[in-house]
PDB file of N, CA and C in Angstrom:
ATOM      1  N   MET A   1      33.613  36.879   4.978  1.00  0.00           N
ATOM      2  CA  MET A   1      33.201  35.509   5.096  1.00  0.00           C
ATOM      3  C   MET A   1      33.177  34.859   3.721  1.00  0.00           C
ATOM      4  N   GLY A   2      33.403  33.544   3.755  1.00  0.00           N
ATOM      5  CA  GLY A   2      33.382  32.801   2.516  1.00  0.00           C
ATOM      6  C   GLY A   2      32.000  32.263   2.236  1.00  0.00           C
ATOM      7  N   SER A   3      31.944  31.531   1.170  1.00  0.00           N
ATOM      8  CA  SER A   3      30.657  30.950   0.792  1.00  0.00           C
ATOM      9  C   SER A   3      30.332  29.764   1.681  1.00  0.00           C
ATOM     10  N   SER A   4      29.137  29.264   1.534  1.00  0.00           N
ATOM     11  CA  SER A   4      28.711  28.140   2.370  1.00  0.00           C
ATOM     12  C   SER A   4      29.465  26.859   2.000  1.00  0.00           C
ATOM     13  N   ILE A   5      29.904  26.715   0.751  1.00  0.00           N
ATOM     14  CA  ILE A   5      30.684  25.539   0.344  1.00  0.00           C
ATOM     15  C   ILE A   5      32.043  25.565   1.030  1.00  0.00           C
ATOM     16  N   GLU A   6      32.686  26.717   1.082  1.00  0.00           N
ATOM     17  CA  GLU A   6      33.976  26.824   1.772  1.00  0.00           C
ATOM     18  C   GLU A   6      33.817  26.521   3.260  1.00  0.00           C
ATOM     19  N   ALA A   7      32.773  27.006   3.851  1.00  0.00           N
ATOM     20  CA  ALA A   7      32.522  26.745   5.257  1.00  0.00           C
ATOM     21  C   ALA A   7      32.282  25.255   5.488  1.00  0.00           C
ATOM     22  N   ALA A   8      31.540  24.619   4.587  1.00  0.00           N
ATOM     23  CA  ALA A   8      31.272  23.183   4.716  1.00  0.00           C
ATOM     24  C   ALA A   8      32.562  22.370   4.577  1.00  0.00           C
ATOM     25  N   ILE A   9      33.445  22.787   3.670  1.00  0.00           N
ATOM     26  CA  ILE A   9      34.722  22.093   3.484  1.00  0.00           C
ATOM     27  C   ILE A   9      35.587  22.261   4.738  1.00  0.00           C
ATOM     28  N   CYS A  10      35.674  23.457   5.265  1.00  0.00           N
ATOM     29  CA  CYS A  10      36.468  23.695   6.480  1.00  0.00           C
ATOM     30  C   CYS A  10      35.900  22.915   7.661  1.00  0.00           C
ATOM     31  N   PHE A  11      34.572  22.921   7.801  1.00  0.00           N
ATOM     32  CA  PHE A  11      33.941  22.185   8.880  1.00  0.00           C
ATOM     33  C   PHE A  11      34.200  20.685   8.736  1.00  0.00           C
ATOM     34  N   SER A  12      34.159  20.165   7.513  1.00  0.00           N
ATOM     35  CA  SER A  12      34.431  18.741   7.269  1.00  0.00           C
ATOM     36  C   SER A  12      35.876  18.401   7.614  1.00  0.00           C
ATOM     37  N   LEU A  13      36.811  19.270   7.263  1.00  0.00           N
ATOM     38  CA  LEU A  13      38.218  19.033   7.593  1.00  0.00           C
ATOM     39  C   LEU A  13      38.447  19.038   9.100  1.00  0.00           C
ATOM     40  N   ILE A  14      37.784  19.957   9.782  1.00  0.00           N
ATOM     41  CA  ILE A  14      37.914  19.999  11.239  1.00  0.00           C
ATOM     42  C   ILE A  14      37.353  18.725  11.855  1.00  0.00           C
ATOM     43  N   LEU A  15      36.200  18.276  11.380  1.00  0.00           N
ATOM     44  CA  LEU A  15      35.632  17.021  11.877  1.00  0.00           C
ATOM     45  C   LEU A  15      36.539  15.834  11.562  1.00  0.00           C
ATOM     46  N   LEU A  16      37.138  15.830  10.395  1.00  0.00           N
ATOM     47  CA  LEU A  16      38.054  14.753  10.019  1.00  0.00           C
ATOM     48  C   LEU A  16      39.271  14.725  10.946  1.00  0.00           C
ATOM     49  N   LEU A  17      39.841  15.894  11.223  1.00  0.00           N
ATOM     50  CA  LEU A  17      40.981  15.956  12.142  1.00  0.00           C
ATOM     51  C   LEU A  17      40.595  15.498  13.547  1.00  0.00           C
ATOM     52  N   LEU A  18      39.449  15.920  14.025  1.00  0.00           N
ATOM     53  CA  LEU A  18      39.000  15.474  15.341  1.00  0.00           C
ATOM     54  C   LEU A  18      38.791  13.962  15.374  1.00  0.00           C
ATOM     55  N   THR A  19      38.241  13.418  14.312  1.00  0.00           N
ATOM     56  CA  THR A  19      38.031  11.968  14.221  1.00  0.00           C
ATOM     57  C   THR A  19      39.360  11.234  14.252  1.00  0.00           C
ATOM     58  N   ILE A  20      40.343  11.737  13.539  1.00  0.00           N
ATOM     59  CA  ILE A  20      41.675  11.113  13.529  1.00  0.00           C
ATOM     60  C   ILE A  20      42.283  11.151  14.926  1.00  0.00           C
ATOM     61  N   PHE A  21      42.147  12.301  15.616  1.00  0.00           N
ATOM     62  CA  PHE A  21      42.714  12.414  16.954  1.00  0.00           C
ATOM     63  C   PHE A  21      42.005  11.525  17.970  1.00  0.00           C
ATOM     64  N   ILE A  22      40.764  11.133  17.701  1.00  0.00           N
ATOM     65  CA  ILE A  22      40.033  10.257  18.608  1.00  0.00           C
ATOM     66  C   ILE A  22      40.258   8.791  18.261  1.00  0.00           C
ATOM     67  N   VAL A  23      40.214   8.439  16.982  1.00  0.00           N
ATOM     68  CA  VAL A  23      40.270   7.033  16.569  1.00  0.00           C
ATOM     69  C   VAL A  23      41.686   6.473  16.651  1.00  0.00           C
ATOM     70  N   TYR A  24      42.696   7.203  16.217  1.00  0.00           N
ATOM     71  CA  TYR A  24      44.059   6.660  16.198  1.00  0.00           C
ATOM     72  C   TYR A  24      44.556   6.285  17.587  1.00  0.00           C
ATOM     73  N   PRO A  25      44.427   7.141  18.607  1.00  0.00           N
ATOM     74  CA  PRO A  25      44.872   6.717  19.938  1.00  0.00           C
ATOM     75  C   PRO A  25      44.100   5.505  20.462  1.00  0.00           C
ATOM     76  N   ASN A  26      42.824   5.384  20.088  1.00  0.00           N
ATOM     77  CA  ASN A  26      42.044   4.230  20.521  1.00  0.00           C
ATOM     78  C   ASN A  26      42.575   2.950  19.892  1.00  0.00           C
ATOM     79  N   LYS A  27      42.963   2.995  18.623  1.00  0.00           N
ATOM     80  CA  LYS A  27      43.564   1.829  17.975  1.00  0.00           C
ATOM     81  C   LYS A  27      44.907   1.501  18.629  1.00  0.00           C
ATOM     82  N   LEU A  28      45.675   2.523  18.927  1.00  0.00           N
ATOM     83  CA  LEU A  28      46.970   2.332  19.578  1.00  0.00           C
ATOM     84  C   LEU A  28      46.778   1.715  20.965  1.00  0.00           C
ATOM     85  N   ARG A  29      45.773   2.175  21.683  1.00  0.00           N
ATOM     86  CA  ARG A  29      45.488   1.648  23.008  1.00  0.00           C
ATOM     87  C   ARG A  29      45.072   0.186  22.940  1.00  0.00           C
ATOM     88  N   SER A  30      44.237  -0.157  21.976  1.00  0.00           N
ATOM     89  CA  SER A  30      43.788  -1.548  21.868  1.00  0.00           C
ATOM     90  C   SER A  30      44.961  -2.474  21.533  1.00  0.00           C
ATOM     91  N   GLU A  31      45.900  -2.015  20.730  1.00  0.00           N
ATOM     92  CA  GLU A  31      47.094  -2.815  20.425  1.00  0.00           C
ATOM     93  C   GLU A  31      47.957  -2.984  21.679  1.00  0.00           C
ATOM     94  N   CYS A  32      48.082  -1.932  22.472  1.00  0.00           N
ATOM     95  CA  CYS A  32      48.855  -2.019  23.718  1.00  0.00           C
ATOM     96  C   CYS A  32      48.195  -2.976  24.702  1.00  0.00           C
ATOM     97  N   VAL A  33      46.869  -2.962  24.766  1.00  0.00           N
ATOM     98  CA  VAL A  33      46.154  -3.873  25.663  1.00  0.00           C
ATOM     99  C   VAL A  33      46.371  -5.316  25.217  1.00  0.00           C
ATOM    100  N   ARG A  34      46.354  -5.572  23.909  1.00  0.00           N
ATOM    101  CA  ARG A  34      46.578  -6.923  23.398  1.00  0.00           C
ATOM    102  C   ARG A  34      47.989  -7.398  23.720  1.00  0.00           C
ATOM    103  N   GLN A  35      48.981  -6.528  23.540  1.00  0.00           N
ATOM    104  CA  GLN A  35      50.359  -6.891  23.853  1.00  0.00           C
ATOM    105  C   GLN A  35      50.546  -7.126  25.349  1.00  0.00           C
ATOM    106  N   ALA A  36      49.885  -6.329  26.179  1.00  0.00           N
ATOM    107  CA  ALA A  36      49.986  -6.515  27.622  1.00  0.00           C
ATOM    108  C   ALA A  36      49.380  -7.848  28.036  1.00  0.00           C
ATOM    109  N   GLY A  37      48.263  -8.234  27.423  1.00  0.00           N
ATOM    110  CA  GLY A  37      47.651  -9.527  27.715  1.00  0.00           C
ATOM    111  C   GLY A  37      48.572 -10.675  27.343  1.00  0.00           C
ATOM    112  N   THR A  38      49.238 -10.563  26.199  1.00  0.00           N
ATOM    113  CA  THR A  38      50.183 -11.589  25.782  1.00  0.00           C
ATOM    114  C   THR A  38      51.364 -11.659  26.741  1.00  0.00           C
ATOM    115  N   ALA A  39      51.838 -10.507  27.196  1.00  0.00           N
ATOM    116  CA  ALA A  39      52.963 -10.489  28.140  1.00  0.00           C
ATOM    117  C   ALA A  39      52.579 -11.142  29.463  1.00  0.00           C
ATOM    118  N   VAL A  40      51.360 -10.900  29.926  1.00  0.00           N
ATOM    119  CA  VAL A  40      50.900 -11.512  31.180  1.00  0.00           C
ATOM    120  C   VAL A  40      50.828 -13.023  31.022  1.00  0.00           C
ATOM    121  N   LYS A  41      50.302 -13.498  29.890  1.00  0.00           N
ATOM    122  CA  LYS A  41      50.234 -14.944  29.647  1.00  0.00           C
ATOM    123  C   LYS A  41      51.630 -15.555  29.617  1.00  0.00           C
ATOM    124  N   GLU A  42      52.582 -14.864  29.013  1.00  0.00           N
ATOM    125  CA  GLU A  42      53.949 -15.388  28.937  1.00  0.00           C
ATOM    126  C   GLU A  42      54.598 -15.444  30.316  1.00  0.00           C
ATOM    127  N   ILE A  43      54.391 -14.432  31.129  1.00  0.00           N
ATOM    128  CA  ILE A  43      54.971 -14.430  32.471  1.00  0.00           C
ATOM    129  C   ILE A  43      54.351 -15.538  33.318  1.00  0.00           C
ATOM    130  N   GLU A  44      53.028 -15.737  33.205  1.00  0.00           N
ATOM    131  CA  GLU A  44      52.382 -16.825  33.936  1.00  0.00           C
ATOM    132  C   GLU A  44      52.927 -18.176  33.490  1.00  0.00           C
ATOM    133  N   PHE A  45      53.154 -18.327  32.185  1.00  0.00           N
ATOM    134  CA  PHE A  45      53.704 -19.575  31.656  1.00  0.00           C
ATOM    135  C   PHE A  45      55.092 -19.822  32.230  1.00  0.00           C
ATOM    136  N   ARG A  46      55.919 -18.799  32.271  1.00  0.00           N
ATOM    137  CA  ARG A  46      57.289 -18.965  32.784  1.00  0.00           C
ATOM    138  C   ARG A  46      57.300 -19.241  34.287  1.00  0.00           C
ATOM    139  N   LYS A  47      56.345 -18.687  35.040  1.00  0.00           N
ATOM    140  CA  LYS A  47      56.297 -18.932  36.473  1.00  0.00           C
ATOM    141  C   LYS A  47      55.804 -20.339  36.799  1.00  0.00           C
ATOM    142  N   LYS A  48      54.857 -20.857  36.003  1.00  0.00           N
ATOM    143  CA  LYS A  48      54.248 -22.146  36.308  1.00  0.00           C
ATOM    144  C   LYS A  48      54.962 -23.327  35.669  1.00  0.00           C
ATOM    145  N   SER A  49      55.873 -23.067  34.755  1.00  0.00           N
ATOM    146  CA  SER A  49      56.547 -24.151  34.046  1.00  0.00           C
ATOM    147  C   SER A  49      57.463 -24.908  35.000  1.00  0.00           C
ATOM    148  N   GLU A  50      57.295 -26.235  35.049  1.00  0.00           N
ATOM    149  CA  GLU A  50      58.107 -27.058  35.940  1.00  0.00           C
ATOM    150  C   GLU A  50      58.970 -28.051  35.174  1.00  0.00           C
ATOM    151  N   LYS A  51      58.980 -27.983  33.873  1.00  0.00           N
ATOM    152  CA  LYS A  51      59.786 -28.885  33.067  1.00  0.00           C
ATOM    153  C   LYS A  51      61.152 -28.247  32.802  1.00  0.00           C
ATOM    154  N   VAL A  52      62.118 -29.098  32.405  1.00  0.00           N
ATOM    155  CA  VAL A  52      63.442 -28.561  32.074  1.00  0.00           C
ATOM    156  C   VAL A  52      63.329 -27.659  30.860  1.00  0.00           C
ATOM    157  N   ILE A  53      62.652 -28.131  29.828  1.00  0.00           N
ATOM    158  CA  ILE A  53      62.392 -27.320  28.636  1.00  0.00           C
ATOM    159  C   ILE A  53      60.917 -27.466  28.309  1.00  0.00           C
ATOM    160  N   ASP A  54      60.215 -26.356  28.214  1.00  0.00           N
ATOM    161  CA  ASP A  54      58.780 -26.374  27.963  1.00  0.00           C
ATOM    162  C   ASP A  54      58.466 -25.368  26.863  1.00  0.00           C
ATOM    163  N   THR A  55      57.552 -25.716  25.972  1.00  0.00           N
ATOM    164  CA  THR A  55      57.149 -24.810  24.889  1.00  0.00           C
ATOM    165  C   THR A  55      55.644 -24.627  24.922  1.00  0.00           C
ATOM    166  N   ARG A  56      55.212 -23.467  24.470  1.00  0.00           N
ATOM    167  CA  ARG A  56      53.789 -23.176  24.358  1.00  0.00           C
ATOM    168  C   ARG A  56      53.610 -22.098  23.298  1.00  0.00           C
ATOM    169  N   ASN A  57      52.471 -22.148  22.608  1.00  0.00           N
ATOM    170  CA  ASN A  57      52.139 -21.136  21.615  1.00  0.00           C
ATOM    171  C   ASN A  57      51.284 -20.076  22.303  1.00  0.00           C
ATOM    172  N   ILE A  58      51.824 -18.863  22.418  1.00  0.00           N
ATOM    173  CA  ILE A  58      51.117 -17.758  23.065  1.00  0.00           C
ATOM    174  C   ILE A  58      50.972 -16.633  22.049  1.00  0.00           C
ATOM    175  N   GLY A  59      49.757 -16.323  21.700  1.00  0.00           N
ATOM    176  CA  GLY A  59      49.506 -15.230  20.766  1.00  0.00           C
ATOM    177  C   GLY A  59      50.095 -15.462  19.393  1.00  0.00           C
ATOM    178  N   GLY A  60      50.151 -16.720  18.949  1.00  0.00           N
ATOM    179  CA  GLY A  60      50.686 -17.041  17.630  1.00  0.00           C
ATOM    180  C   GLY A  60      52.201 -17.125  17.584  1.00  0.00           C
ATOM    181  N   VAL A  61      52.846 -17.053  18.737  1.00  0.00           N
ATOM    182  CA  VAL A  61      54.304 -17.114  18.811  1.00  0.00           C
ATOM    183  C   VAL A  61      54.688 -18.285  19.703  1.00  0.00           C
ATOM    184  N   ASP A  62      55.630 -19.114  19.243  1.00  0.00           N
ATOM    185  CA  ASP A  62      56.114 -20.225  20.058  1.00  0.00           C
ATOM    186  C   ASP A  62      57.035 -19.684  21.138  1.00  0.00           C
ATOM    187  N   THR A  63      56.688 -19.946  22.391  1.00  0.00           N
ATOM    188  CA  THR A  63      57.466 -19.489  23.534  1.00  0.00           C
ATOM    189  C   THR A  63      58.144 -20.694  24.176  1.00  0.00           C
ATOM    190  N   VAL A  64      59.425 -20.566  24.455  1.00  0.00           N
ATOM    191  CA  VAL A  64      60.195 -21.649  25.070  1.00  0.00           C
ATOM    192  C   VAL A  64      60.676 -21.180  26.431  1.00  0.00           C
ATOM    193  N   ASP A  65      60.520 -22.058  27.435  1.00  0.00           N
ATOM    194  CA  ASP A  65      60.989 -21.752  28.778  1.00  0.00           C
ATOM    195  C   ASP A  65      61.917 -22.858  29.239  1.00  0.00           C
ATOM    196  N   THR A  66      63.028 -22.474  29.812  1.00  0.00           N
ATOM    197  CA  THR A  66      63.957 -23.457  30.379  1.00  0.00           C
ATOM    198  C   THR A  66      64.089 -23.192  31.866  1.00  0.00           C
ATOM    199  N   SER A  67      64.300 -24.256  32.621  1.00  0.00           N
ATOM    200  CA  SER A  67      64.485 -24.133  34.060  1.00  0.00           C
ATOM    201  C   SER A  67      65.946 -24.398  34.381  1.00  0.00           C
ATOM    202  N   PRO A  68      66.741 -23.365  34.638  1.00  0.00           N
ATOM    203  CA  PRO A  68      68.169 -23.552  34.908  1.00  0.00           C
ATOM    204  C   PRO A  68      68.427 -24.428  36.131  1.00  0.00           C
ATOM    205  N   GLU A  69      67.569 -24.296  37.159  1.00  0.00           N
ATOM    206  CA  GLU A  69      67.779 -25.091  38.368  1.00  0.00           C
ATOM    207  C   GLU A  69      67.622 -26.579  38.071  1.00  0.00           C
ATOM    208  N   GLN A  70      66.562 -26.938  37.356  1.00  0.00           N
ATOM    209  CA  GLN A  70      66.330 -28.346  37.053  1.00  0.00           C
ATOM    210  C   GLN A  70      67.361 -28.878  36.072  1.00  0.00           C
ATOM    211  N   LEU A  71      67.768 -28.042  35.117  1.00  0.00           N
ATOM    212  CA  LEU A  71      68.809 -28.462  34.182  1.00  0.00           C
ATOM    213  C   LEU A  71      70.121 -28.701  34.932  1.00  0.00           C
ATOM    214  N   ASN A  72      70.466 -27.830  35.858  1.00  0.00           N
ATOM    215  CA  ASN A  72      71.682 -27.993  36.654  1.00  0.00           C
ATOM    216  C   ASN A  72      71.610 -29.267  37.495  1.00  0.00           C
ATOM    217  N   THR A  73      70.451 -29.512  38.114  1.00  0.00           N
ATOM    218  CA  THR A  73      70.278 -30.722  38.920  1.00  0.00           C
ATOM    219  C   THR A  73      70.439 -31.970  38.063  1.00  0.00           C
ATOM    220  N   MET A  74      69.836 -31.947  36.872  1.00  0.00           N
ATOM    221  CA  MET A  74      69.922 -33.095  35.972  1.00  0.00           C
ATOM    222  C   MET A  74      71.373 -33.335  35.533  1.00  0.00           C
ATOM    223  N   LEU A  75      72.070 -32.280  35.148  1.00  0.00           N
ATOM    224  CA  LEU A  75      73.459 -32.431  34.702  1.00  0.00           C
ATOM    225  C   LEU A  75      74.367 -32.874  35.852  1.00  0.00           C
ATOM    226  N   ASN A  76      74.154 -32.354  37.054  1.00  0.00           N
ATOM    227  CA  ASN A  76      74.949 -32.795  38.208  1.00  0.00           C
ATOM    228  C   ASN A  76      74.704 -34.270  38.507  1.00  0.00           C
ATOM    229  N   GLY A  77      73.448 -34.714  38.361  1.00  0.00           N
ATOM    230  CA  GLY A  77      73.150 -36.127  38.563  1.00  0.00           C
ATOM    231  C   GLY A  77      73.860 -37.003  37.557  1.00  0.00           C
ATOM    232  N   ILE A  78      73.897 -36.568  36.306  1.00  0.00           N
ATOM    233  CA  ILE A  78      74.595 -37.336  35.262  1.00  0.00           C
ATOM    234  C   ILE A  78      76.090 -37.367  35.553  1.00  0.00           C
ATOM    235  N   ILE A  79      76.662 -36.230  35.924  1.00  0.00           N
ATOM    236  CA  ILE A  79      78.100 -36.166  36.217  1.00  0.00           C
ATOM    237  C   ILE A  79      78.435 -37.032  37.432  1.00  0.00           C
ATOM    238  N   ASP A  80      77.603 -36.984  38.459  1.00  0.00           N
ATOM    239  CA  ASP A  80      77.828 -37.823  39.640  1.00  0.00           C
ATOM    240  C   ASP A  80      77.749 -39.306  39.284  1.00  0.00           C
ATOM    241  N   SER A  81      76.819 -39.668  38.411  1.00  0.00           N
ATOM    242  CA  SER A  81      76.698 -41.065  37.990  1.00  0.00           C
ATOM    243  C   SER A  81      77.942 -41.506  37.224  1.00  0.00           C
ATOM    244  N   ILE A  82      78.467 -40.629  36.406  1.00  0.00           N
ATOM    245  CA  ILE A  82      79.706 -40.972  35.648  1.00  0.00           C
ATOM    246  C   ILE A  82      80.861 -41.110  36.625  1.00  0.00           C
ATOM    247  N   ARG A  83      80.975 -40.220  37.614  1.00  0.00           N
ATOM    248  CA  ARG A  83      82.060 -40.316  38.609  1.00  0.00           C
ATOM    249  C   ARG A  83      81.952 -41.608  39.408  1.00  0.00           C
ATOM    250  N   ILE A  84      80.743 -41.934  39.852  1.00  0.00           N
ATOM    251  CA  ILE A  84      80.560 -43.172  40.617  1.00  0.00           C
ATOM    252  C   ILE A  84      80.898 -44.381  39.761  1.00  0.00           C
ATOM    253  N   GLY A  85      80.488 -44.339  38.494  1.00  0.00           N
ATOM    254  CA  GLY A  85      80.796 -45.459  37.580  1.00  0.00           C
ATOM    255  C   GLY A  85      82.283 -45.579  37.307  1.00  0.00           C
ATOM    256  N   SER A  86      82.966 -44.458  37.170  1.00  0.00           N
ATOM    257  CA  SER A  86      84.405 -44.523  36.892  1.00  0.00           C
ATOM    258  C   SER A  86      85.201 -44.926  38.136  1.00  0.00           C
ATOM    259  N   ASP A  87      84.683 -44.579  39.328  1.00  0.00           N
ATOM    260  CA  ASP A  87      85.353 -44.996  40.567  1.00  0.00           C
ATOM    261  C   ASP A  87      85.207 -46.497  40.797  1.00  0.00           C
ATOM    262  N   ALA A  88      84.122 -47.070  40.332  1.00  0.00           N
ATOM    263  CA  ALA A  88      83.892 -48.506  40.521  1.00  0.00           C
ATOM    264  C   ALA A  88      84.796 -49.333  39.628  1.00  0.00           C
ATOM    265  N   LEU A  89      85.245 -48.732  38.529  1.00  0.00           N
ATOM    266  CA  LEU A  89      86.117 -49.484  37.622  1.00  0.00           C
ATOM    267  C   LEU A  89      87.496 -49.488  38.188  1.00  0.00           C
TER     268      LEU A  89
END
């Protein structure tokens, strides 16, 4: 057996390793939870957005959503208006 100082050093190292194995995954988990919350907010924003182009700041990041259906409807309306106008001439 070693001296009591060696035993104290080994015991401290074991406690340090156990602390690292407990604290690091908890920090990793909290970061994953934060990212999941941001992803949920972004998906809700994209589902509820009714504008052709809509922007919102989510989690410090500017998020842009476009609605292809509304953009297509708007462009078809413009094209139809040009066709009707050119037919009248």
